[in-house]
Amino acid sequence: MIALERVSKSFPFGASRTPVIADLTATFPGGCAIALLGRNGAGKSTLLKLIAGTLRPSTGSIRREGTVSYPVGFGGSFHPDLTGQQNARFVARIYGVEAAALLDFVADFTELGAALGRPFGTYSAGMKARLSFGVSMGLPFDTYLVDEVTSVGDGAFRRKSVQVLEARLRAAGAIVVTHSPPMARRLCSMAAVLEGSRLRLYEDIEQGLAAHAAHLAQS
């Protein structure tokens, strides 16, 4: 379970601050896969980082029960001067898992080959996403935070990524950012719609998708 109590987040813009999330109170139930929907620039990635703890809220508090992943696809999770292998070992130490087992999984899953021995900062955006997704899927989280799984790699790799995520969701929950209604239906049973810096949860994925579509139609 993840509970947000009057959470706001703003960023400096010139002499003022621009709000991205405003006075948000919501509870994401544990063990559920929830599609996080919203138009481009609505603040979905910011919200994932707040939930993960990689960003601090400007005001309010966030309570987490169980382990929560870093936002998959967020390159800031890794040090640019360390190799892919070294970053994976570092994450293994942080989460108390066997480094060798995690490295074996990452090497097999990401298909990065010799690039795992290169500094993370030299990776392309796609390679960074592969490593981020692979390391996260190799760890046993209670809640996975996933930002656009359909943007990871080519078609074959995306299919493999979705299959692995589906396997993890048999025993865990997730908050999944996606712009694809078919992917939202495939992975999630609930939806959370972020619109105008406000969030509304829907227990029925179809109701959430319909609300999101209505917001888009108004723009």
C-alpha atoms as a PDB file:
ATOM      1  CA  MET A   1       0.000   0.000   0.000  1.00  0.00           C
ATOM      2  CA  ILE A   2       1.178   3.511  -0.848  1.00  0.00           C
ATOM      3  CA  ALA A   3      -0.593   6.476   0.759  1.00  0.00           C
ATOM      4  CA  LEU A   4      -0.132  10.094  -0.298  1.00  0.00           C
ATOM      5  CA  GLU A   5      -1.311  12.766   2.117  1.00  0.00           C
ATOM      6  CA  ARG A   6      -1.702  16.295   0.721  1.00  0.00           C
ATOM      7  CA  VAL A   7       1.357  15.896  -1.494  1.00  0.00           C
ATOM      8  CA  SER A   8       2.440  18.821  -3.645  1.00  0.00           C
ATOM      9  CA  LYS A   9       5.477  19.234  -5.872  1.00  0.00           C
ATOM     10  CA  SER A  10       6.584  22.406  -7.610  1.00  0.00           C
ATOM     11  CA  PHE A  11       9.730  23.375  -9.476  1.00  0.00           C
ATOM     12  CA  PRO A  12      11.414  26.795  -9.753  1.00  0.00           C
ATOM     13  CA  PHE A  13      10.645  28.687 -12.948  1.00  0.00           C
ATOM     14  CA  GLY A  14      12.220  32.127 -13.098  1.00  0.00           C
ATOM     15  CA  ALA A  15      11.159  34.115 -10.061  1.00  0.00           C
ATOM     16  CA  SER A  16       8.234  31.822  -9.292  1.00  0.00           C
ATOM     17  CA  ARG A  17       7.488  28.118  -8.932  1.00  0.00           C
ATOM     18  CA  THR A  18       5.465  25.912 -11.264  1.00  0.00           C
ATOM     19  CA  PRO A  19       3.205  23.322  -9.562  1.00  0.00           C
ATOM     20  CA  VAL A  20       3.202  19.825 -11.080  1.00  0.00           C
ATOM     21  CA  ILE A  21       1.364  17.971  -8.307  1.00  0.00           C
ATOM     22  CA  ALA A  22      -1.027  19.945  -6.081  1.00  0.00           C
ATOM     23  CA  ASP A  23      -2.445  18.880  -2.688  1.00  0.00           C
ATOM     24  CA  LEU A  24      -2.802  15.249  -3.750  1.00  0.00           C
ATOM     25  CA  THR A  25      -4.307  12.719  -1.348  1.00  0.00           C
ATOM     26  CA  ALA A  26      -4.708   9.132  -2.591  1.00  0.00           C
ATOM     27  CA  THR A  27      -4.130   5.517  -1.587  1.00  0.00           C
ATOM     28  CA  PHE A  28      -2.762   2.915  -3.998  1.00  0.00           C
ATOM     29  CA  PRO A  29      -3.801  -0.502  -2.616  1.00  0.00           C
ATOM     30  CA  GLY A  30      -1.118  -3.157  -2.299  1.00  0.00           C
ATOM     31  CA  GLY A  31      -0.968  -6.147  -4.617  1.00  0.00           C
ATOM     32  CA  CYS A  32      -2.820  -4.388  -7.453  1.00  0.00           C
ATOM     33  CA  ALA A  33      -1.556  -3.373 -10.879  1.00  0.00           C
ATOM     34  CA  ILE A  34      -2.692   0.194 -11.489  1.00  0.00           C
ATOM     35  CA  ALA A  35      -2.374   2.058 -14.799  1.00  0.00           C
ATOM     36  CA  LEU A  36      -1.263   5.661 -14.245  1.00  0.00           C
ATOM     37  CA  LEU A  37      -2.883   7.660 -17.041  1.00  0.00           C
ATOM     38  CA  GLY A  38      -2.584  11.305 -18.048  1.00  0.00           C
ATOM     39  CA  ARG A  39      -1.750  13.544 -20.947  1.00  0.00           C
ATOM     40  CA  ASN A  40       1.867  14.396 -21.819  1.00  0.00           C
ATOM     41  CA  GLY A  41       3.300  16.757 -19.217  1.00  0.00           C
ATOM     42  CA  ALA A  42       0.642  15.928 -16.620  1.00  0.00           C
ATOM     43  CA  GLY A  43       3.295  14.901 -14.076  1.00  0.00           C
ATOM     44  CA  LYS A  44       3.134  11.092 -14.234  1.00  0.00           C
ATOM     45  CA  SER A  45       6.907  10.582 -14.179  1.00  0.00           C
ATOM     46  CA  THR A  46       7.227  13.144 -11.383  1.00  0.00           C
ATOM     47  CA  LEU A  47       4.619  11.258  -9.374  1.00  0.00           C
ATOM     48  CA  LEU A  48       6.489   7.968  -9.857  1.00  0.00           C
ATOM     49  CA  LYS A  49       9.707   9.574  -8.591  1.00  0.00           C
ATOM     50  CA  LEU A  50       7.882  10.975  -5.562  1.00  0.00           C
ATOM     51  CA  ILE A  51       6.440   7.542  -4.765  1.00  0.00           C
ATOM     52  CA  ALA A  52       9.871   5.936  -5.192  1.00  0.00           C
ATOM     53  CA  GLY A  53      11.534   8.538  -2.983  1.00  0.00           C
ATOM     54  CA  THR A  54      13.941   9.751  -5.664  1.00  0.00           C
ATOM     55  CA  LEU A  55      12.161  13.145  -5.423  1.00  0.00           C
ATOM     56  CA  ARG A  56      11.009  14.803  -2.222  1.00  0.00           C
ATOM     57  CA  PRO A  57       7.558  16.417  -2.117  1.00  0.00           C
ATOM     58  CA  SER A  58       7.441  20.175  -1.635  1.00  0.00           C
ATOM     59  CA  THR A  59       4.715  19.611   0.965  1.00  0.00           C
ATOM     60  CA  GLY A  60       2.843  16.607   2.327  1.00  0.00           C
ATOM     61  CA  SER A  61       3.927  13.062   3.113  1.00  0.00           C
ATOM     62  CA  ILE A  62       4.093   9.637   1.463  1.00  0.00           C
ATOM     63  CA  ARG A  63       3.748   6.372   3.394  1.00  0.00           C
ATOM     64  CA  ARG A  64       4.902   3.107   1.831  1.00  0.00           C
ATOM     65  CA  GLU A  65       4.223  -0.433   3.027  1.00  0.00           C
ATOM     66  CA  GLY A  66       6.485  -3.118   1.573  1.00  0.00           C
ATOM     67  CA  THR A  67       9.342  -2.628  -0.863  1.00  0.00           C
ATOM     68  CA  VAL A  68       8.947  -0.232  -3.782  1.00  0.00           C
ATOM     69  CA  SER A  69      11.152  -0.247  -6.874  1.00  0.00           C
ATOM     70  CA  TYR A  70      12.887   2.766  -8.336  1.00  0.00           C
ATOM     71  CA  PRO A  71      11.072   4.026 -11.459  1.00  0.00           C
ATOM     72  CA  VAL A  72      12.006   1.597 -14.228  1.00  0.00           C
ATOM     73  CA  GLY A  73      13.434   3.537 -17.146  1.00  0.00           C
ATOM     74  CA  PHE A  74      14.746   6.307 -14.867  1.00  0.00           C
ATOM     75  CA  GLY A  75      18.441   6.625 -15.785  1.00  0.00           C
ATOM     76  CA  GLY A  76      19.145   8.595 -12.617  1.00  0.00           C
ATOM     77  CA  SER A  77      19.075   5.305 -10.729  1.00  0.00           C
ATOM     78  CA  PHE A  78      22.603   4.490 -11.975  1.00  0.00           C
ATOM     79  CA  HIS A  79      26.019   6.147 -11.786  1.00  0.00           C
ATOM     80  CA  PRO A  80      27.280   7.226 -15.224  1.00  0.00           C
ATOM     81  CA  ASP A  81      30.925   6.418 -14.481  1.00  0.00           C
ATOM     82  CA  LEU A  82      30.257   2.849 -13.333  1.00  0.00           C
ATOM     83  CA  THR A  83      29.825   0.032 -15.824  1.00  0.00           C
ATOM     84  CA  GLY A  84      26.513  -1.729 -16.262  1.00  0.00           C
ATOM     85  CA  GLN A  85      27.857  -4.648 -14.229  1.00  0.00           C
ATOM     86  CA  GLN A  86      29.124  -2.389 -11.441  1.00  0.00           C
ATOM     87  CA  ASN A  87      25.788  -0.577 -11.257  1.00  0.00           C
ATOM     88  CA  ALA A  88      23.954  -3.904 -11.010  1.00  0.00           C
ATOM     89  CA  ARG A  89      26.308  -5.075  -8.217  1.00  0.00           C
ATOM     90  CA  PHE A  90      25.771  -1.793  -6.361  1.00  0.00           C
ATOM     91  CA  VAL A  91      21.985  -2.148  -6.562  1.00  0.00           C
ATOM     92  CA  ALA A  92      22.290  -5.780  -5.376  1.00  0.00           C
ATOM     93  CA  ARG A  93      24.161  -4.600  -2.258  1.00  0.00           C
ATOM     94  CA  ILE A  94      21.565  -1.887  -1.573  1.00  0.00           C
ATOM     95  CA  TYR A  95      18.690  -4.377  -1.688  1.00  0.00           C
ATOM     96  CA  GLY A  96      20.544  -7.240  -0.014  1.00  0.00           C
ATOM     97  CA  VAL A  97      20.390  -9.756  -2.869  1.00  0.00           C
ATOM     98  CA  GLU A  98      23.120 -11.987  -4.280  1.00  0.00           C
ATOM     99  CA  ALA A  99      25.082  -9.952  -6.834  1.00  0.00           C
ATOM    100  CA  ALA A 100      26.070 -12.942  -8.973  1.00  0.00           C
ATOM    101  CA  ALA A 101      22.461 -14.098  -9.361  1.00  0.00           C
ATOM    102  CA  LEU A 102      21.287 -10.591 -10.277  1.00  0.00           C
ATOM    103  CA  LEU A 103      24.122 -10.189 -12.799  1.00  0.00           C
ATOM    104  CA  ASP A 104      23.265 -13.514 -14.428  1.00  0.00           C
ATOM    105  CA  PHE A 105      19.632 -12.448 -14.780  1.00  0.00           C
ATOM    106  CA  VAL A 106      20.565  -9.004 -16.132  1.00  0.00           C
ATOM    107  CA  ALA A 107      23.032 -10.392 -18.668  1.00  0.00           C
ATOM    108  CA  ASP A 108      20.517 -12.914 -19.966  1.00  0.00           C
ATOM    109  CA  PHE A 109      17.547 -10.565 -19.963  1.00  0.00           C
ATOM    110  CA  THR A 110      19.041  -7.342 -21.331  1.00  0.00           C
ATOM    111  CA  GLU A 111      21.067  -8.945 -24.155  1.00  0.00           C
ATOM    112  CA  LEU A 112      23.600  -6.104 -23.757  1.00  0.00           C
ATOM    113  CA  GLY A 113      26.592  -8.455 -24.037  1.00  0.00           C
ATOM    114  CA  ALA A 114      29.992  -6.748 -23.816  1.00  0.00           C
ATOM    115  CA  ALA A 115      28.291  -3.375 -23.266  1.00  0.00           C
ATOM    116  CA  LEU A 116      27.703  -4.400 -19.630  1.00  0.00           C
ATOM    117  CA  GLY A 117      31.430  -3.789 -19.161  1.00  0.00           C
ATOM    118  CA  ARG A 118      31.175  -0.209 -20.436  1.00  0.00           C
ATOM    119  CA  PRO A 119      30.357   2.916 -18.373  1.00  0.00           C
ATOM    120  CA  PHE A 120      26.631   3.537 -18.053  1.00  0.00           C
ATOM    121  CA  GLY A 121      27.138   7.123 -19.234  1.00  0.00           C
ATOM    122  CA  THR A 122      28.167   5.852 -22.685  1.00  0.00           C
ATOM    123  CA  TYR A 123      24.884   3.957 -23.182  1.00  0.00           C
ATOM    124  CA  SER A 124      22.188   5.041 -25.604  1.00  0.00           C
ATOM    125  CA  ALA A 125      18.745   5.827 -24.182  1.00  0.00           C
ATOM    126  CA  GLY A 126      17.529   2.386 -25.249  1.00  0.00           C
ATOM    127  CA  MET A 127      20.455   0.612 -23.587  1.00  0.00           C
ATOM    128  CA  LYS A 128      19.872   2.564 -20.365  1.00  0.00           C
ATOM    129  CA  ALA A 129      16.221   1.552 -20.396  1.00  0.00           C
ATOM    130  CA  ARG A 130      17.169  -2.111 -20.922  1.00  0.00           C
ATOM    131  CA  LEU A 131      19.563  -2.089 -17.975  1.00  0.00           C
ATOM    132  CA  SER A 132      17.112  -0.234 -15.720  1.00  0.00           C
ATOM    133  CA  PHE A 133      14.275  -2.607 -16.574  1.00  0.00           C
ATOM    134  CA  GLY A 134      16.479  -5.705 -16.293  1.00  0.00           C
ATOM    135  CA  VAL A 135      17.880  -4.802 -12.873  1.00  0.00           C
ATOM    136  CA  SER A 136      14.424  -3.947 -11.545  1.00  0.00           C
ATOM    137  CA  MET A 137      12.860  -7.172 -12.829  1.00  0.00           C
ATOM    138  CA  GLY A 138      15.700  -9.121 -11.207  1.00  0.00           C
ATOM    139  CA  LEU A 139      14.730  -7.818  -7.759  1.00  0.00           C
ATOM    140  CA  PRO A 140      11.763  -9.019  -5.656  1.00  0.00           C
ATOM    141  CA  PHE A 141       9.761  -5.837  -5.014  1.00  0.00           C
ATOM    142  CA  ASP A 142       6.269  -5.679  -3.530  1.00  0.00           C
ATOM    143  CA  THR A 143       5.412  -2.807  -5.884  1.00  0.00           C
ATOM    144  CA  TYR A 144       7.037  -2.141  -9.253  1.00  0.00           C
ATOM    145  CA  LEU A 145       7.051   1.374 -10.708  1.00  0.00           C
ATOM    146  CA  VAL A 146       7.155   1.156 -14.501  1.00  0.00           C
ATOM    147  CA  ASP A 147       7.322   4.066 -16.950  1.00  0.00           C
ATOM    148  CA  GLU A 148       6.280   3.015 -20.474  1.00  0.00           C
ATOM    149  CA  VAL A 149       7.375  -0.629 -20.740  1.00  0.00           C
ATOM    150  CA  THR A 150       6.410  -0.472 -24.436  1.00  0.00           C
ATOM    151  CA  SER A 151       9.306   1.938 -25.095  1.00  0.00           C
ATOM    152  CA  VAL A 152      12.025  -0.539 -24.073  1.00  0.00           C
ATOM    153  CA  GLY A 153      13.993  -1.908 -27.033  1.00  0.00           C
ATOM    154  CA  ASP A 154      12.708  -3.415 -30.275  1.00  0.00           C
ATOM    155  CA  GLY A 155       9.489  -5.392 -30.770  1.00  0.00           C
ATOM    156  CA  ALA A 156      10.904  -8.734 -29.669  1.00  0.00           C
ATOM    157  CA  PHE A 157      12.502  -7.233 -26.569  1.00  0.00           C
ATOM    158  CA  ARG A 158       9.312  -5.348 -25.668  1.00  0.00           C
ATOM    159  CA  ARG A 159       7.337  -8.583 -25.839  1.00  0.00           C
ATOM    160  CA  LYS A 160       9.852 -10.281 -23.570  1.00  0.00           C
ATOM    161  CA  SER A 161       9.736  -7.337 -21.157  1.00  0.00           C
ATOM    162  CA  VAL A 162       5.949  -7.470 -20.907  1.00  0.00           C
ATOM    163  CA  GLN A 163       6.043 -11.241 -20.316  1.00  0.00           C
ATOM    164  CA  VAL A 164       8.558 -10.866 -17.478  1.00  0.00           C
ATOM    165  CA  LEU A 165       6.552  -8.034 -15.936  1.00  0.00           C
ATOM    166  CA  GLU A 166       3.378 -10.138 -16.121  1.00  0.00           C
ATOM    167  CA  ALA A 167       5.199 -12.943 -14.296  1.00  0.00           C
ATOM    168  CA  ARG A 168       6.286 -10.540 -11.526  1.00  0.00           C
ATOM    169  CA  LEU A 169       2.747  -9.187 -11.174  1.00  0.00           C
ATOM    170  CA  ARG A 170       1.449 -12.625 -10.202  1.00  0.00           C
ATOM    171  CA  ALA A 171       3.008 -12.007  -6.789  1.00  0.00           C
ATOM    172  CA  ALA A 172       3.348  -8.204  -6.649  1.00  0.00           C
ATOM    173  CA  GLY A 173       1.606  -4.934  -7.423  1.00  0.00           C
ATOM    174  CA  ALA A 174       2.623  -2.169  -9.798  1.00  0.00           C
ATOM    175  CA  ILE A 175       1.988   1.385 -10.889  1.00  0.00           C
ATOM    176  CA  VAL A 176       2.398   1.436 -14.658  1.00  0.00           C
ATOM    177  CA  VAL A 177       2.605   4.603 -16.753  1.00  0.00           C
ATOM    178  CA  THR A 178       1.363   3.871 -20.252  1.00  0.00           C
ATOM    179  CA  HIS A 179      -0.238   5.683 -23.191  1.00  0.00           C
ATOM    180  CA  SER A 180      -1.483   2.382 -24.635  1.00  0.00           C
ATOM    181  CA  PRO A 181      -5.042   1.333 -23.652  1.00  0.00           C
ATOM    182  CA  PRO A 182      -4.405  -2.284 -24.802  1.00  0.00           C
ATOM    183  CA  MET A 183      -1.297  -2.440 -22.591  1.00  0.00           C
ATOM    184  CA  ALA A 184      -3.193  -0.925 -19.659  1.00  0.00           C
ATOM    185  CA  ARG A 185      -5.896  -3.572 -20.045  1.00  0.00           C
ATOM    186  CA  ARG A 186      -3.327  -6.350 -20.367  1.00  0.00           C
ATOM    187  CA  LEU A 187      -1.324  -5.465 -17.264  1.00  0.00           C
ATOM    188  CA  CYS A 188      -3.705  -3.617 -14.954  1.00  0.00           C
ATOM    189  CA  SER A 189      -7.067  -4.027 -13.232  1.00  0.00           C
ATOM    190  CA  MET A 190      -7.321  -0.470 -11.870  1.00  0.00           C
ATOM    191  CA  ALA A 191      -6.491   3.010 -13.119  1.00  0.00           C
ATOM    192  CA  ALA A 192      -5.371   6.327 -11.682  1.00  0.00           C
ATOM    193  CA  VAL A 193      -5.958   9.388 -13.854  1.00  0.00           C
ATOM    194  CA  LEU A 194      -3.750  12.457 -13.351  1.00  0.00           C
ATOM    195  CA  GLU A 195      -5.343  15.595 -14.770  1.00  0.00           C
ATOM    196  CA  GLY A 196      -4.771  19.216 -13.867  1.00  0.00           C
ATOM    197  CA  SER A 197      -2.357  18.208 -11.062  1.00  0.00           C
ATOM    198  CA  ARG A 198      -5.176  16.164  -9.464  1.00  0.00           C
ATOM    199  CA  LEU A 199      -5.427  12.374  -9.204  1.00  0.00           C
ATOM    200  CA  ARG A 200      -8.508  10.149  -9.234  1.00  0.00           C
ATOM    201  CA  LEU A 201      -8.450   6.377  -8.729  1.00  0.00           C
ATOM    202  CA  TYR A 202     -10.838   4.017 -10.531  1.00  0.00           C
ATOM    203  CA  GLU A 203     -11.363   0.441  -9.355  1.00  0.00           C
ATOM    204  CA  ASP A 204     -12.448  -0.494 -12.893  1.00  0.00           C
ATOM    205  CA  ILE A 205      -9.766  -0.102 -15.566  1.00  0.00           C
ATOM    206  CA  GLU A 206     -12.402   0.624 -18.233  1.00  0.00           C
ATOM    207  CA  GLN A 207     -13.840   3.529 -16.238  1.00  0.00           C
ATOM    208  CA  GLY A 208     -10.353   4.981 -15.850  1.00  0.00           C
ATOM    209  CA  LEU A 209      -9.588   4.634 -19.553  1.00  0.00           C
ATOM    210  CA  ALA A 210     -12.902   6.284 -20.423  1.00  0.00           C
ATOM    211  CA  ALA A 211     -12.228   9.210 -18.061  1.00  0.00           C
ATOM    212  CA  HIS A 212      -8.756   9.659 -19.532  1.00  0.00           C
ATOM    213  CA  ALA A 213     -10.134   9.586 -23.087  1.00  0.00           C
ATOM    214  CA  ALA A 214     -12.704  12.230 -22.139  1.00  0.00           C
ATOM    215  CA  HIS A 215      -9.952  14.511 -20.802  1.00  0.00           C
ATOM    216  CA  LEU A 216      -7.983  14.121 -24.026  1.00  0.00           C
ATOM    217  CA  ALA A 217     -11.092  14.890 -26.110  1.00  0.00           C
ATOM    218  CA  GLN A 218     -11.476  18.204 -24.290  1.00  0.00           C
ATOM    219  CA  SER A 219      -8.000  19.433 -25.232  1.00  0.00           C
END
